[in-house]
Amino acid sequence: MACEQQNQEMLWEMVETISRGEMPAGHTVDDLRKLGLPLPGELIRDMQADGTVIVRQVAPSKLANAFVCDAPNE
């Protein structure tokens, strides 16, 4: 149980770092993808009036580098 909690805390710290647009130290894009985590720029931090921070993932269709097919190949 303690190892599981430690792993969850590590992942949350990585999400916090990613949500600030930074790459977690010592990790690569491949590392993040293997862990099922988003990349920097794929999360938005919203500060609420009461000081609460909400971290949301950007929809893939809203990402600047999202693939879009203009017309089907015929």
N, C-alpha and C. Protein backbone atom coordinates (compact mmCIF):
# COMPACT_ATOMS: atom_id res chain seq x y z
N MET A 1 0.82 -1.19 0.00
CA MET A 1 0.00 0.00 0.00
C MET A 1 0.87 1.26 0.00
N ALA A 2 1.94 1.26 0.77
CA ALA A 2 2.82 2.43 0.84
C ALA A 2 3.49 2.69 -0.50
N CYS A 3 3.91 1.64 -1.20
CA CYS A 3 4.54 1.80 -2.51
C CYS A 3 3.55 2.36 -3.52
N GLU A 4 2.31 1.89 -3.45
CA GLU A 4 1.27 2.37 -4.35
C GLU A 4 1.02 3.87 -4.14
N GLN A 5 0.96 4.27 -2.88
CA GLN A 5 0.74 5.68 -2.55
C GLN A 5 1.92 6.53 -3.01
N GLN A 6 3.12 6.04 -2.82
CA GLN A 6 4.31 6.77 -3.25
C GLN A 6 4.32 6.93 -4.77
N ASN A 7 3.91 5.89 -5.50
CA ASN A 7 3.84 5.95 -6.96
C ASN A 7 2.80 6.99 -7.39
N GLN A 8 1.65 7.01 -6.74
CA GLN A 8 0.61 8.00 -7.07
C GLN A 8 1.09 9.42 -6.80
N GLU A 9 1.81 9.63 -5.71
CA GLU A 9 2.34 10.95 -5.39
C GLU A 9 3.37 11.38 -6.42
N MET A 10 4.21 10.46 -6.88
CA MET A 10 5.21 10.77 -7.90
C MET A 10 4.52 11.17 -9.20
N LEU A 11 3.49 10.41 -9.59
CA LEU A 11 2.76 10.74 -10.81
C LEU A 11 2.08 12.11 -10.69
N TRP A 12 1.50 12.41 -9.53
CA TRP A 12 0.85 13.70 -9.36
C TRP A 12 1.86 14.84 -9.44
N GLU A 13 3.03 14.67 -8.87
CA GLU A 13 4.08 15.69 -8.97
C GLU A 13 4.48 15.90 -10.43
N MET A 14 4.53 14.82 -11.20
CA MET A 14 4.86 14.94 -12.61
C MET A 14 3.76 15.69 -13.36
N VAL A 15 2.50 15.41 -13.04
CA VAL A 15 1.37 16.11 -13.66
C VAL A 15 1.44 17.60 -13.32
N GLU A 16 1.77 17.93 -12.09
CA GLU A 16 1.91 19.33 -11.69
C GLU A 16 2.98 20.03 -12.54
N THR A 17 4.11 19.38 -12.71
CA THR A 17 5.20 19.93 -13.52
C THR A 17 4.77 20.10 -14.97
N ILE A 18 4.14 19.08 -15.52
CA ILE A 18 3.68 19.12 -16.90
C ILE A 18 2.65 20.24 -17.08
N SER A 19 1.77 20.42 -16.10
CA SER A 19 0.72 21.44 -16.22
C SER A 19 1.29 22.85 -16.24
N ARG A 20 2.51 23.01 -15.77
CA ARG A 20 3.19 24.32 -15.83
C ARG A 20 3.96 24.48 -17.15
N GLY A 21 3.84 23.49 -18.03
CA GLY A 21 4.50 23.55 -19.33
C GLY A 21 5.95 23.11 -19.30
N GLU A 22 6.33 22.42 -18.24
CA GLU A 22 7.71 21.97 -18.08
C GLU A 22 7.79 20.44 -18.22
N MET A 23 8.93 19.98 -18.66
CA MET A 23 9.18 18.54 -18.74
C MET A 23 9.73 18.09 -17.40
N PRO A 24 9.19 17.03 -16.80
CA PRO A 24 9.73 16.54 -15.53
C PRO A 24 11.21 16.17 -15.69
N ALA A 25 12.02 16.59 -14.75
CA ALA A 25 13.46 16.34 -14.79
C ALA A 25 13.75 14.85 -14.88
N GLY A 26 14.65 14.50 -15.78
CA GLY A 26 15.08 13.12 -15.91
C GLY A 26 14.13 12.24 -16.71
N HIS A 27 13.12 12.84 -17.34
CA HIS A 27 12.15 12.05 -18.11
C HIS A 27 12.11 12.52 -19.55
N THR A 28 11.75 11.60 -20.44
CA THR A 28 11.64 11.90 -21.86
C THR A 28 10.18 11.82 -22.28
N VAL A 29 9.91 12.22 -23.51
CA VAL A 29 8.56 12.10 -24.07
C VAL A 29 8.11 10.64 -24.02
N ASP A 30 9.00 9.74 -24.39
CA ASP A 30 8.67 8.31 -24.35
C ASP A 30 8.31 7.85 -22.94
N ASP A 31 9.05 8.34 -21.94
CA ASP A 31 8.75 7.99 -20.54
C ASP A 31 7.32 8.40 -20.18
N LEU A 32 6.97 9.64 -20.54
CA LEU A 32 5.64 10.15 -20.19
C LEU A 32 4.56 9.34 -20.88
N ARG A 33 4.76 9.04 -22.15
CA ARG A 33 3.76 8.26 -22.90
C ARG A 33 3.61 6.85 -22.31
N LYS A 34 4.72 6.23 -21.91
CA LYS A 34 4.66 4.89 -21.31
C LYS A 34 3.88 4.91 -19.99
N LEU A 35 3.97 6.03 -19.27
CA LEU A 35 3.25 6.17 -18.00
C LEU A 35 1.81 6.61 -18.21
N GLY A 36 1.44 6.90 -19.46
CA GLY A 36 0.08 7.34 -19.76
C GLY A 36 -0.16 8.79 -19.40
N LEU A 37 0.92 9.58 -19.34
CA LEU A 37 0.81 10.99 -18.97
C LEU A 37 0.82 11.88 -20.21
N PRO A 38 0.19 13.04 -20.12
CA PRO A 38 0.25 13.99 -21.24
C PRO A 38 1.61 14.66 -21.30
N LEU A 39 1.86 15.35 -22.40
CA LEU A 39 3.09 16.12 -22.57
C LEU A 39 2.86 17.57 -22.16
N PRO A 40 3.93 18.32 -21.88
CA PRO A 40 3.75 19.74 -21.62
C PRO A 40 3.00 20.39 -22.80
N GLY A 41 2.06 21.25 -22.48
CA GLY A 41 1.24 21.88 -23.50
C GLY A 41 -0.08 21.16 -23.72
N GLU A 42 -0.22 19.97 -23.16
CA GLU A 42 -1.46 19.22 -23.30
C GLU A 42 -2.36 19.35 -22.07
N LEU A 43 -1.93 20.17 -21.11
CA LEU A 43 -2.72 20.43 -19.91
C LEU A 43 -2.92 21.93 -19.74
N ILE A 44 -4.03 22.30 -19.11
CA ILE A 44 -4.32 23.70 -18.80
C ILE A 44 -4.51 23.81 -17.29
N ARG A 45 -3.91 24.84 -16.71
CA ARG A 45 -4.11 25.13 -15.27
C ARG A 45 -5.07 26.30 -15.15
N ASP A 46 -6.17 26.11 -14.44
CA ASP A 46 -7.13 27.18 -14.18
C ASP A 46 -7.13 27.50 -12.70
N MET A 47 -6.86 28.77 -12.37
CA MET A 47 -6.89 29.22 -10.99
C MET A 47 -8.29 29.75 -10.70
N GLN A 48 -8.94 29.18 -9.72
CA GLN A 48 -10.27 29.61 -9.33
C GLN A 48 -10.19 30.78 -8.36
N ALA A 49 -11.27 31.48 -8.20
CA ALA A 49 -11.32 32.65 -7.30
C ALA A 49 -10.94 32.29 -5.86
N ASP A 50 -11.25 31.08 -5.44
CA ASP A 50 -10.95 30.67 -4.07
C ASP A 50 -9.52 30.13 -3.91
N GLY A 51 -8.72 30.18 -4.99
CA GLY A 51 -7.34 29.72 -4.93
C GLY A 51 -7.15 28.27 -5.37
N THR A 52 -8.24 27.58 -5.62
CA THR A 52 -8.15 26.20 -6.08
C THR A 52 -7.60 26.16 -7.50
N VAL A 53 -6.70 25.25 -7.76
CA VAL A 53 -6.14 25.07 -9.10
C VAL A 53 -6.77 23.83 -9.71
N ILE A 54 -7.34 24.01 -10.90
CA ILE A 54 -7.92 22.89 -11.63
C ILE A 54 -7.03 22.61 -12.83
N VAL A 55 -6.61 21.35 -12.96
CA VAL A 55 -5.77 20.95 -14.08
C VAL A 55 -6.65 20.13 -15.02
N ARG A 56 -6.72 20.58 -16.29
CA ARG A 56 -7.54 19.89 -17.28
C ARG A 56 -6.67 19.52 -18.48
N GLN A 57 -7.00 18.41 -19.10
CA GLN A 57 -6.29 18.01 -20.31
C GLN A 57 -6.95 18.67 -21.51
N VAL A 58 -6.13 19.16 -22.42
CA VAL A 58 -6.61 19.79 -23.65
C VAL A 58 -7.12 18.70 -24.58
N ALA A 59 -8.28 18.94 -25.18
CA ALA A 59 -8.82 17.98 -26.14
C ALA A 59 -7.87 17.86 -27.32
N PRO A 60 -7.62 16.65 -27.80
CA PRO A 60 -6.69 16.47 -28.92
C PRO A 60 -7.02 17.37 -30.11
N SER A 61 -8.29 17.63 -30.37
CA SER A 61 -8.67 18.47 -31.51
C SER A 61 -8.26 19.93 -31.30
N LYS A 62 -7.95 20.32 -30.07
CA LYS A 62 -7.57 21.70 -29.78
C LYS A 62 -6.06 21.91 -29.79
N LEU A 63 -5.28 20.84 -29.87
CA LEU A 63 -3.83 20.95 -29.88
C LEU A 63 -3.36 21.50 -31.21
N ALA A 64 -2.34 22.35 -31.19
CA ALA A 64 -1.83 22.99 -32.40
C ALA A 64 -1.31 21.98 -33.42
N ASN A 65 -0.75 20.87 -32.94
CA ASN A 65 -0.16 19.91 -33.86
C ASN A 65 -1.07 18.72 -34.14
N ALA A 66 -2.36 18.86 -33.82
CA ALA A 66 -3.28 17.75 -34.06
C ALA A 66 -3.46 17.53 -35.56
N PHE A 67 -3.47 16.28 -35.97
CA PHE A 67 -3.62 15.94 -37.38
C PHE A 67 -5.05 16.19 -37.81
N VAL A 68 -5.22 16.84 -38.93
CA VAL A 68 -6.55 17.10 -39.48
C VAL A 68 -6.54 16.69 -40.95
N CYS A 69 -7.52 15.94 -41.34
CA CYS A 69 -7.67 15.53 -42.73
C CYS A 69 -8.66 16.46 -43.40
N ASP A 70 -8.20 17.22 -44.42
CA ASP A 70 -9.05 18.18 -45.11
C ASP A 70 -10.13 17.49 -45.92
N ALA A 71 -9.75 16.46 -46.66
CA ALA A 71 -10.71 15.75 -47.50
C ALA A 71 -10.27 14.29 -47.63
N PRO A 72 -11.21 13.41 -47.73
CA PRO A 72 -10.83 12.00 -47.87
C PRO A 72 -10.14 11.76 -49.20
N ASN A 73 -9.23 10.82 -49.20
CA ASN A 73 -8.56 10.43 -50.45
C ASN A 73 -9.55 9.67 -51.32
N GLU A 74 -9.56 9.97 -52.59
CA GLU A 74 -10.48 9.28 -53.48
C GLU A 74 -9.74 8.31 -54.37
